[in-house]
Each structure stands twice: as C-alpha cells, then as structure tokens.
Amino acid sequence: MNDAIAPLVLAITGLPALFVAAWAGRRGGAHARGTGLRWALIALCSFIAAIALYLAGSNRSAAMAVGIGFAVAVNVLVVSMVLHLRRGDTGAMRK
C-alpha cells in the first residue's frame, strides 16, 4: 500500500496540467494549440512517471531513475513552452 501513495500523488498532480491544456487550446488557433499540446505533454509525462514509479516498487535505484527522467522531461517541455510563448502568435500579427 505504501508503494502506491507516491505514484498516486504524482498522477493527481498531473491533472491540473491536463485541465490547463484543455483551457489553453480552446481558442483553436495554431499558437493556442501549440501551448495546449505542451501542457498535455507535461501531464502525459506525469502520468507515465507515476506508472513507472509504481512499477519500480521498492527498488530505490529504479525510483531515482524515474525521478531524474521525469525532471529532465518536464524541464525540456518547460523550455519548449517558454520558447513557444516568446515566439508569440505570429498568425494574429500578420492579419
């Protein structure tokens, strides 16, 4: 039972990113869809990391590898998000 608490918390913390993805992509423009996609990928990383952490069980080295992989993946997606937001909505500027 104790091995399931951390993955459950990690999966629950991915839910807000999924809701933000739906909210960000609701306008339907290319820029909004790109922002929503990045939020959805962050949520997906959280869910995959939760499953991997559950499968790691009490193996500390596997859990550490999952944690490091999750941190790297989310940070790459955050950098991608920042670069995407800095680009701005170029389609609206051209019109």
N, C-alpha and C. Protein backbone atom coordinates (compact mmCIF):
# COMPACT_ATOMS: atom_id res chain seq x y z
N MET A 1 0.81 -1.20 0.00
CA MET A 1 0.00 0.00 0.00
C MET A 1 0.86 1.26 0.00
N ASN A 2 1.94 1.25 0.77
CA ASN A 2 2.80 2.43 0.85
C ASN A 2 3.50 2.72 -0.47
N ASP A 3 3.72 1.68 -1.30
CA ASP A 3 4.37 1.89 -2.58
C ASP A 3 3.44 2.57 -3.58
N ALA A 4 2.16 2.62 -3.31
CA ALA A 4 1.21 3.21 -4.25
C ALA A 4 0.90 4.67 -3.94
N ILE A 5 1.32 5.18 -2.80
CA ILE A 5 0.96 6.55 -2.42
C ILE A 5 1.70 7.57 -3.28
N ALA A 6 3.00 7.43 -3.44
CA ALA A 6 3.77 8.39 -4.23
C ALA A 6 3.33 8.41 -5.70
N PRO A 7 3.13 7.26 -6.36
CA PRO A 7 2.63 7.32 -7.74
C PRO A 7 1.24 7.95 -7.85
N LEU A 8 0.40 7.70 -6.86
CA LEU A 8 -0.94 8.28 -6.88
C LEU A 8 -0.87 9.80 -6.74
N VAL A 9 -0.03 10.29 -5.87
CA VAL A 9 0.14 11.73 -5.71
C VAL A 9 0.70 12.34 -6.99
N LEU A 10 1.66 11.67 -7.61
CA LEU A 10 2.24 12.17 -8.85
C LEU A 10 1.21 12.21 -9.97
N ALA A 11 0.37 11.21 -10.06
CA ALA A 11 -0.68 11.19 -11.08
C ALA A 11 -1.71 12.28 -10.83
N ILE A 12 -2.06 12.51 -9.58
CA ILE A 12 -3.03 13.56 -9.25
C ILE A 12 -2.46 14.94 -9.57
N THR A 13 -1.17 15.14 -9.37
CA THR A 13 -0.58 16.44 -9.68
C THR A 13 -0.48 16.69 -11.17
N GLY A 14 -0.63 15.65 -11.99
CA GLY A 14 -0.65 15.83 -13.44
C GLY A 14 -2.00 16.29 -13.96
N LEU A 15 -3.05 16.12 -13.17
CA LEU A 15 -4.39 16.52 -13.61
C LEU A 15 -4.53 18.02 -13.88
N PRO A 16 -3.99 18.92 -13.04
CA PRO A 16 -4.10 20.34 -13.37
C PRO A 16 -3.46 20.71 -14.71
N ALA A 17 -2.37 20.07 -15.05
CA ALA A 17 -1.74 20.34 -16.35
C ALA A 17 -2.65 19.91 -17.49
N LEU A 18 -3.40 18.84 -17.29
CA LEU A 18 -4.34 18.39 -18.31
C LEU A 18 -5.49 19.39 -18.47
N PHE A 19 -5.97 19.93 -17.36
CA PHE A 19 -7.03 20.94 -17.42
C PHE A 19 -6.53 22.23 -18.06
N VAL A 20 -5.30 22.62 -17.76
CA VAL A 20 -4.72 23.81 -18.39
C VAL A 20 -4.54 23.58 -19.89
N ALA A 21 -4.21 22.36 -20.29
CA ALA A 21 -4.08 22.04 -21.72
C ALA A 21 -5.40 22.23 -22.44
N ALA A 22 -6.47 21.76 -21.84
CA ALA A 22 -7.79 21.93 -22.45
C ALA A 22 -8.18 23.40 -22.49
N TRP A 23 -7.86 24.14 -21.45
CA TRP A 23 -8.21 25.54 -21.39
C TRP A 23 -7.38 26.36 -22.38
N ALA A 24 -6.09 26.04 -22.50
CA ALA A 24 -5.20 26.81 -23.38
C ALA A 24 -5.52 26.56 -24.85
N GLY A 25 -5.96 25.36 -25.19
CA GLY A 25 -6.21 25.03 -26.58
C GLY A 25 -7.62 25.32 -27.04
N ARG A 26 -8.44 25.91 -26.20
CA ARG A 26 -9.85 26.10 -26.56
C ARG A 26 -10.06 27.15 -27.63
N ARG A 27 -9.15 28.10 -27.81
CA ARG A 27 -9.33 29.13 -28.83
C ARG A 27 -9.19 28.57 -30.23
N GLY A 28 -8.42 27.54 -30.42
CA GLY A 28 -8.34 26.86 -31.69
C GLY A 28 -7.27 27.36 -32.64
N GLY A 29 -6.59 28.46 -32.34
CA GLY A 29 -5.53 28.94 -33.21
C GLY A 29 -4.30 28.06 -33.10
N ALA A 30 -3.38 28.24 -34.04
CA ALA A 30 -2.17 27.42 -34.05
C ALA A 30 -1.34 27.64 -32.79
N HIS A 31 -1.26 28.89 -32.36
CA HIS A 31 -0.47 29.18 -31.16
C HIS A 31 -1.13 28.57 -29.92
N ALA A 32 -2.45 28.67 -29.83
CA ALA A 32 -3.16 28.09 -28.69
C ALA A 32 -3.05 26.57 -28.69
N ARG A 33 -3.13 25.97 -29.87
CA ARG A 33 -2.98 24.51 -29.93
C ARG A 33 -1.58 24.08 -29.53
N GLY A 34 -0.56 24.85 -29.92
CA GLY A 34 0.81 24.53 -29.52
C GLY A 34 1.02 24.62 -28.03
N THR A 35 0.42 25.65 -27.42
CA THR A 35 0.52 25.79 -25.97
C THR A 35 -0.23 24.65 -25.27
N GLY A 36 -1.42 24.33 -25.76
CA GLY A 36 -2.19 23.23 -25.18
C GLY A 36 -1.47 21.90 -25.32
N LEU A 37 -0.82 21.71 -26.46
CA LEU A 37 -0.07 20.47 -26.69
C LEU A 37 1.06 20.32 -25.69
N ARG A 38 1.77 21.39 -25.44
CA ARG A 38 2.88 21.31 -24.48
C ARG A 38 2.38 21.02 -23.07
N TRP A 39 1.26 21.62 -22.67
CA TRP A 39 0.68 21.31 -21.36
C TRP A 39 0.22 19.87 -21.30
N ALA A 40 -0.37 19.38 -22.38
CA ALA A 40 -0.82 17.98 -22.40
C ALA A 40 0.37 17.03 -22.31
N LEU A 41 1.48 17.37 -22.94
CA LEU A 41 2.67 16.53 -22.86
C LEU A 41 3.25 16.52 -21.44
N ILE A 42 3.17 17.66 -20.74
CA ILE A 42 3.62 17.70 -19.35
C ILE A 42 2.75 16.77 -18.51
N ALA A 43 1.43 16.80 -18.73
CA ALA A 43 0.53 15.90 -18.00
C ALA A 43 0.83 14.45 -18.34
N LEU A 44 1.09 14.17 -19.61
CA LEU A 44 1.41 12.80 -20.02
C LEU A 44 2.69 12.32 -19.36
N CYS A 45 3.69 13.18 -19.28
CA CYS A 45 4.94 12.82 -18.58
C CYS A 45 4.66 12.48 -17.13
N SER A 46 3.77 13.23 -16.50
CA SER A 46 3.43 12.97 -15.11
C SER A 46 2.75 11.62 -14.95
N PHE A 47 1.83 11.30 -15.85
CA PHE A 47 1.14 10.01 -15.77
C PHE A 47 2.09 8.84 -16.05
N ILE A 48 2.95 9.00 -17.03
CA ILE A 48 3.92 7.94 -17.34
C ILE A 48 4.89 7.74 -16.18
N ALA A 49 5.34 8.86 -15.59
CA ALA A 49 6.24 8.75 -14.44
C ALA A 49 5.55 8.09 -13.26
N ALA A 50 4.26 8.34 -13.07
CA ALA A 50 3.53 7.70 -11.98
C ALA A 50 3.45 6.19 -12.20
N ILE A 51 3.18 5.79 -13.42
CA ILE A 51 3.13 4.35 -13.73
C ILE A 51 4.51 3.71 -13.53
N ALA A 52 5.54 4.39 -14.01
CA ALA A 52 6.89 3.85 -13.87
C ALA A 52 7.31 3.78 -12.41
N LEU A 53 6.92 4.78 -11.64
CA LEU A 53 7.25 4.78 -10.21
C LEU A 53 6.52 3.65 -9.49
N TYR A 54 5.29 3.38 -9.90
CA TYR A 54 4.54 2.27 -9.30
C TYR A 54 5.21 0.94 -9.65
N LEU A 55 5.65 0.80 -10.91
CA LEU A 55 6.30 -0.44 -11.32
C LEU A 55 7.68 -0.61 -10.68
N ALA A 56 8.32 0.51 -10.33
CA ALA A 56 9.62 0.43 -9.67
C ALA A 56 9.48 -0.15 -8.27
N GLY A 57 8.33 0.05 -7.65
CA GLY A 57 8.08 -0.53 -6.33
C GLY A 57 9.05 -0.02 -5.30
N SER A 58 9.68 -0.92 -4.59
CA SER A 58 10.61 -0.53 -3.53
C SER A 58 12.06 -0.48 -4.01
N ASN A 59 12.29 -0.62 -5.30
CA ASN A 59 13.64 -0.52 -5.86
C ASN A 59 14.03 0.96 -5.90
N ARG A 60 14.94 1.34 -5.00
CA ARG A 60 15.30 2.75 -4.87
C ARG A 60 16.02 3.29 -6.08
N SER A 61 16.88 2.49 -6.69
CA SER A 61 17.63 2.99 -7.85
C SER A 61 16.71 3.19 -9.05
N ALA A 62 15.73 2.30 -9.22
CA ALA A 62 14.77 2.48 -10.31
C ALA A 62 13.89 3.70 -10.05
N ALA A 63 13.47 3.90 -8.82
CA ALA A 63 12.67 5.07 -8.47
C ALA A 63 13.46 6.36 -8.69
N MET A 64 14.74 6.34 -8.39
CA MET A 64 15.59 7.51 -8.61
C MET A 64 15.74 7.79 -10.10
N ALA A 65 15.89 6.74 -10.90
CA ALA A 65 15.98 6.91 -12.34
C ALA A 65 14.69 7.49 -12.92
N VAL A 66 13.56 7.04 -12.41
CA VAL A 66 12.27 7.57 -12.84
C VAL A 66 12.17 9.05 -12.48
N GLY A 67 12.58 9.40 -11.29
CA GLY A 67 12.53 10.79 -10.84
C GLY A 67 13.41 11.70 -11.67
N ILE A 68 14.61 11.23 -11.98
CA ILE A 68 15.53 12.03 -12.80
C ILE A 68 14.99 12.17 -14.22
N GLY A 69 14.49 11.07 -14.77
CA GLY A 69 13.92 11.14 -16.12
C GLY A 69 12.71 12.06 -16.19
N PHE A 70 11.87 12.03 -15.16
CA PHE A 70 10.70 12.90 -15.10
C PHE A 70 11.13 14.37 -15.02
N ALA A 71 12.11 14.66 -14.18
CA ALA A 71 12.58 16.04 -14.04
C ALA A 71 13.17 16.56 -15.35
N VAL A 72 13.94 15.73 -16.03
CA VAL A 72 14.54 16.15 -17.30
C VAL A 72 13.45 16.38 -18.35
N ALA A 73 12.50 15.46 -18.46
CA ALA A 73 11.45 15.57 -19.47
C ALA A 73 10.60 16.81 -19.25
N VAL A 74 10.21 17.07 -18.01
CA VAL A 74 9.36 18.24 -17.73
C VAL A 74 10.14 19.53 -17.96
N ASN A 75 11.41 19.56 -17.60
CA ASN A 75 12.20 20.76 -17.83
C ASN A 75 12.40 21.03 -19.31
N VAL A 76 12.58 19.99 -20.11
CA VAL A 76 12.68 20.18 -21.56
C VAL A 76 11.38 20.75 -22.11
N LEU A 77 10.25 20.24 -21.63
CA LEU A 77 8.96 20.75 -22.08
C LEU A 77 8.71 22.18 -21.61
N VAL A 78 9.19 22.54 -20.43
CA VAL A 78 9.05 23.92 -19.96
C VAL A 78 9.88 24.87 -20.82
N VAL A 79 11.09 24.47 -21.17
CA VAL A 79 11.91 25.30 -22.06
C VAL A 79 11.22 25.44 -23.42
N SER A 80 10.65 24.35 -23.92
CA SER A 80 9.91 24.40 -25.17
C SER A 80 8.72 25.35 -25.06
N MET A 81 8.04 25.32 -23.93
CA MET A 81 6.90 26.21 -23.71
C MET A 81 7.34 27.67 -23.69
N VAL A 82 8.42 27.97 -23.00
CA VAL A 82 8.91 29.35 -22.93
C VAL A 82 9.29 29.84 -24.31
N LEU A 83 9.99 29.03 -25.09
CA LEU A 83 10.36 29.43 -26.44
C LEU A 83 9.12 29.62 -27.32
N HIS A 84 8.13 28.75 -27.15
CA HIS A 84 6.89 28.87 -27.91
C HIS A 84 6.14 30.15 -27.54
N LEU A 85 6.09 30.47 -26.26
CA LEU A 85 5.40 31.69 -25.84
C LEU A 85 6.15 32.95 -26.25
N ARG A 86 7.46 32.88 -26.31
CA ARG A 86 8.24 34.04 -26.76
C ARG A 86 8.04 34.31 -28.24
N ARG A 87 7.80 33.25 -29.00
CA ARG A 87 7.54 33.41 -30.42
C ARG A 87 6.28 34.22 -30.66
N GLY A 88 5.31 34.07 -29.78
CA GLY A 88 4.07 34.83 -29.88
C GLY A 88 3.16 34.26 -30.95
N ASP A 89 1.99 34.86 -31.05
CA ASP A 89 1.00 34.45 -32.04
C ASP A 89 1.27 35.19 -33.33
N THR A 90 2.13 34.63 -34.17
CA THR A 90 2.53 35.31 -35.41
C THR A 90 1.40 35.38 -36.42
N GLY A 91 0.46 34.45 -36.35
CA GLY A 91 -0.66 34.48 -37.28
C GLY A 91 -1.56 35.68 -37.05
N ALA A 92 -1.75 36.09 -35.79
CA ALA A 92 -2.58 37.24 -35.50
C ALA A 92 -1.88 38.53 -35.89
N MET A 93 -0.55 38.53 -35.87
CA MET A 93 0.20 39.74 -36.23
C MET A 93 0.16 40.00 -37.72
N ARG A 94 0.06 38.95 -38.51
CA ARG A 94 0.06 39.11 -39.96
C ARG A 94 -1.27 39.62 -40.50
N LYS A 95 -2.34 39.36 -39.78
CA LYS A 95 -3.67 39.73 -40.27
C LYS A 95 -3.93 41.21 -40.19
